[in-house]
Amino acid sequence: MYRVVFFLKNFFFLKPPLEVRLSFFSFFLLKILCVACGSKAHHLKTERMMNFIIKTHKVGTIYTKPHLFVLNKGMNSGKPQKTPFTNSFVVIFQNEEDCESLFFIAFSLWKTKFWHQHLVGSVIPFLRLPDFKKEFSPKASLMMVEHEEHQKNVAALKLLEQKEKQFHENISLISDLRRAIVYRYCRK
């Protein structure tokens, strides 16, 4: 024990050469700068501030800014769409990119039946505007935290939507061909 204390006392009182002290200091300074710059860049890259306004849609209103509609009545409440529903909220954005991103967030929330817990009413359930405003903003922010991952998910969802549309078109063409063959067969 005595030897360890003696060694530690001597170690702290000995001064290393100036070059060693500078390189030691510069190493930690460089590390601090890298961490600070990296965390700031990471912070800017991952979080994105979105501004949007949520209102009740009035039939006949024309919106000039990018927007999307969210159904607020029935068991499909929360369903987003580019064209207006009779009973819907409208979410208005500053730019098209934010509209596109939040469309897929709203679509994900609807598909996972997130809004079912907020529906009220016994015969025709509906979603209240204050409930929608209170839950949509934080949920969208939470889903946008990892912006790069979110962009990848949006790209994948767009691709799936495109493939689904092609699939339905193919089914329609197959149905038309089947009908044409059956008509030709029945005519003979």
Protein backbone atom coordinates (compact mmCIF):
# COMPACT_ATOMS: atom_id res chain seq x y z
CA MET A 1 0.00 0.00 0.00
CA TYR A 2 2.79 2.40 0.90
CA ARG A 3 4.54 1.76 -2.41
CA VAL A 4 1.38 2.50 -4.44
CA VAL A 5 0.80 5.82 -2.66
CA PHE A 6 4.47 6.77 -3.10
CA PHE A 7 4.30 5.90 -6.82
CA LEU A 8 1.12 7.91 -7.31
CA LYS A 9 2.59 10.94 -5.52
CA ASN A 10 5.70 10.81 -7.66
CA PHE A 11 3.67 10.24 -10.82
CA PHE A 12 1.51 13.34 -10.36
CA PHE A 13 4.41 15.59 -9.37
CA LEU A 14 6.60 14.60 -12.29
CA LYS A 15 6.13 16.85 -15.28
CA PRO A 16 6.36 15.23 -18.69
CA PRO A 17 8.11 17.10 -21.50
CA LEU A 18 6.21 19.93 -23.17
CA GLU A 19 5.62 17.97 -26.43
CA VAL A 20 3.89 15.15 -24.53
CA ARG A 21 1.70 17.58 -22.62
CA LEU A 22 0.64 19.37 -25.82
CA SER A 23 -0.14 16.18 -27.70
CA PHE A 24 -2.10 14.88 -24.71
CA PHE A 25 -4.04 18.13 -24.50
CA SER A 26 -4.62 18.33 -28.26
CA PHE A 27 -5.90 14.75 -28.30
CA PHE A 28 -8.65 15.57 -25.80
CA LEU A 29 -9.38 18.90 -27.44
CA LEU A 30 -9.75 17.16 -30.80
CA LYS A 31 -12.01 14.55 -29.23
CA ILE A 32 -14.19 17.23 -27.63
CA LEU A 33 -14.44 19.15 -30.92
CA CYS A 34 -15.30 16.03 -32.90
CA VAL A 35 -17.99 15.02 -30.44
CA ALA A 36 -19.43 18.54 -30.38
CA CYS A 37 -19.42 18.90 -34.17
CA GLY A 38 -20.65 15.38 -34.70
CA SER A 39 -23.52 15.71 -32.27
CA LYS A 40 -24.53 19.04 -33.76
CA ALA A 41 -24.46 17.66 -37.29
CA HIS A 42 -26.29 14.55 -36.10
CA HIS A 43 -28.86 16.76 -34.39
CA LEU A 44 -29.44 18.81 -37.54
CA LYS A 45 -29.63 15.73 -39.72
CA THR A 46 -32.09 13.73 -37.64
CA GLU A 47 -34.61 16.26 -36.42
CA ARG A 48 -36.69 18.33 -38.76
CA MET A 49 -39.13 20.99 -37.72
CA MET A 50 -42.43 20.86 -39.55
CA ASN A 51 -45.03 23.57 -39.45
CA PHE A 52 -48.60 22.69 -40.26
CA ILE A 53 -52.10 23.86 -39.43
CA ILE A 54 -54.94 21.44 -38.63
CA LYS A 55 -58.53 22.63 -39.19
CA THR A 56 -61.94 21.19 -39.92
CA HIS A 57 -62.54 21.06 -43.67
CA LYS A 58 -65.49 23.04 -44.97
CA VAL A 59 -67.01 21.79 -48.24
CA GLY A 60 -66.20 24.09 -51.14
CA THR A 61 -63.07 25.57 -49.58
CA ILE A 62 -60.09 25.73 -51.92
CA TYR A 63 -56.63 25.51 -50.37
CA THR A 64 -53.67 27.08 -52.17
CA LYS A 65 -50.90 25.62 -50.01
CA PRO A 66 -50.00 21.90 -49.97
CA HIS A 67 -52.52 19.98 -47.87
CA LEU A 68 -54.00 16.60 -47.06
CA PHE A 69 -57.34 15.50 -45.73
CA VAL A 70 -57.91 13.15 -42.81
CA LEU A 71 -61.28 11.41 -42.40
CA ASN A 72 -62.86 12.06 -38.99
CA LYS A 73 -66.05 9.96 -39.00
CA GLY A 74 -66.55 6.22 -38.97
CA MET A 75 -64.25 3.29 -38.31
CA ASN A 76 -61.84 4.60 -40.97
CA SER A 77 -61.21 7.79 -39.01
CA GLY A 78 -57.66 8.97 -39.46
CA LYS A 79 -57.44 7.84 -43.09
CA PRO A 80 -55.41 10.39 -45.09
CA GLN A 81 -56.21 11.30 -48.67
CA LYS A 82 -55.29 14.00 -51.20
CA THR A 83 -58.91 14.64 -52.15
CA PRO A 84 -61.43 15.90 -49.59
CA PHE A 85 -63.81 13.72 -47.62
CA THR A 86 -67.21 15.05 -46.57
CA ASN A 87 -66.30 14.74 -42.89
CA SER A 88 -62.60 15.48 -42.59
CA PHE A 89 -59.86 17.57 -41.12
CA VAL A 90 -57.44 19.39 -43.37
CA VAL A 91 -53.74 19.60 -42.57
CA ILE A 92 -52.11 22.56 -44.36
CA PHE A 93 -48.32 22.72 -44.90
CA GLN A 94 -45.75 25.27 -46.02
CA ASN A 95 -44.16 23.01 -48.66
CA GLU A 96 -44.92 19.86 -50.63
CA GLU A 97 -42.09 17.80 -49.08
CA ASP A 98 -43.57 18.14 -45.58
CA CYS A 99 -47.02 17.25 -46.93
CA GLU A 100 -45.65 14.10 -48.56
CA SER A 101 -43.76 13.02 -45.42
CA LEU A 102 -46.68 13.55 -43.10
CA PHE A 103 -49.07 11.86 -45.50
CA PHE A 104 -47.20 8.60 -44.97
CA ILE A 105 -47.03 9.14 -41.20
CA ALA A 106 -50.81 9.69 -41.16
CA PHE A 107 -51.22 6.63 -43.40
CA SER A 108 -49.15 4.54 -40.97
CA LEU A 109 -51.18 5.74 -37.99
CA TRP A 110 -54.41 4.90 -39.79
CA LYS A 111 -53.25 1.44 -40.92
CA THR A 112 -52.15 0.52 -37.38
CA LYS A 113 -55.57 1.68 -36.08
CA PHE A 114 -53.92 4.23 -33.80
CA TRP A 115 -56.99 6.48 -33.87
CA HIS A 116 -59.44 3.79 -32.67
CA GLN A 117 -58.60 4.53 -29.04
CA HIS A 118 -59.64 8.18 -29.55
CA LEU A 119 -62.99 7.54 -31.26
CA VAL A 120 -66.12 8.68 -29.45
CA GLY A 121 -69.79 8.06 -30.21
CA SER A 122 -71.95 4.98 -30.06
CA VAL A 123 -73.62 4.71 -33.48
CA ILE A 124 -71.14 6.46 -35.78
CA PRO A 125 -67.81 6.89 -34.02
CA PHE A 126 -65.88 10.07 -34.77
CA LEU A 127 -62.57 11.70 -34.01
CA ARG A 128 -62.60 15.07 -32.27
CA LEU A 129 -60.43 17.90 -33.58
CA PRO A 130 -58.77 18.64 -30.20
CA ASP A 131 -57.91 14.94 -29.76
CA PHE A 132 -56.49 14.79 -33.28
CA LYS A 133 -54.39 17.95 -32.76
CA LYS A 134 -53.16 16.76 -29.38
CA GLU A 135 -52.07 13.32 -30.60
CA PHE A 136 -50.99 13.92 -34.21
CA SER A 137 -48.25 16.49 -33.63
CA PRO A 138 -46.25 14.58 -30.98
CA LYS A 139 -46.70 11.27 -32.78
CA ALA A 140 -45.49 12.78 -36.07
CA SER A 141 -42.49 14.34 -34.31
CA LEU A 142 -41.65 11.03 -32.68
CA MET A 143 -41.83 9.22 -36.00
CA MET A 144 -39.67 11.91 -37.68
CA VAL A 145 -36.81 11.71 -35.13
CA GLU A 146 -34.73 9.49 -37.38
CA HIS A 147 -35.19 11.48 -40.58
CA GLU A 148 -33.03 9.24 -42.80
CA GLU A 149 -34.85 6.11 -41.65
CA HIS A 150 -38.15 7.91 -42.16
CA GLN A 151 -37.14 8.83 -45.73
CA LYS A 152 -36.28 5.18 -46.45
CA ASN A 153 -39.64 4.06 -45.05
CA VAL A 154 -41.48 6.66 -47.15
CA ALA A 155 -39.64 5.49 -50.28
CA ALA A 156 -40.55 1.87 -49.50
CA LEU A 157 -44.20 2.80 -48.90
CA LYS A 158 -44.33 4.73 -52.19
CA LEU A 159 -42.91 1.75 -54.03
CA LEU A 160 -45.43 -0.59 -52.39
CA GLU A 161 -48.27 1.78 -53.25
CA GLN A 162 -47.12 1.87 -56.87
CA LYS A 163 -46.85 -1.94 -57.03
CA GLU A 164 -50.29 -2.29 -55.45
CA LYS A 165 -51.76 0.03 -58.10
CA GLN A 166 -50.08 -2.00 -60.86
CA PHE A 167 -51.39 -5.20 -59.29
CA HIS A 168 -54.97 -3.89 -59.27
CA GLU A 169 -54.61 -2.75 -62.89
CA ASN A 170 -53.38 -6.23 -63.83
CA ILE A 171 -56.29 -7.86 -62.03
CA SER A 172 -58.67 -5.55 -63.89
CA LEU A 173 -57.06 -6.45 -67.25
CA ILE A 174 -57.25 -10.17 -66.43
CA SER A 175 -60.91 -9.77 -65.55
CA ASP A 176 -61.58 -7.95 -68.84
CA LEU A 177 -59.76 -10.67 -70.81
CA ARG A 178 -61.71 -13.38 -69.01
CA ARG A 179 -64.99 -11.60 -69.80
CA ALA A 180 -64.00 -11.20 -73.48
CA ILE A 181 -63.14 -14.91 -73.78
CA VAL A 182 -66.41 -15.95 -72.13
CA TYR A 183 -68.41 -13.63 -74.46
CA ARG A 184 -66.66 -15.09 -77.53
CA TYR A 185 -67.32 -18.60 -76.25
CA CYS A 186 -71.01 -17.90 -75.62
CA ARG A 187 -71.54 -16.36 -79.08
CA LYS A 188 -70.61 -19.52 -80.94
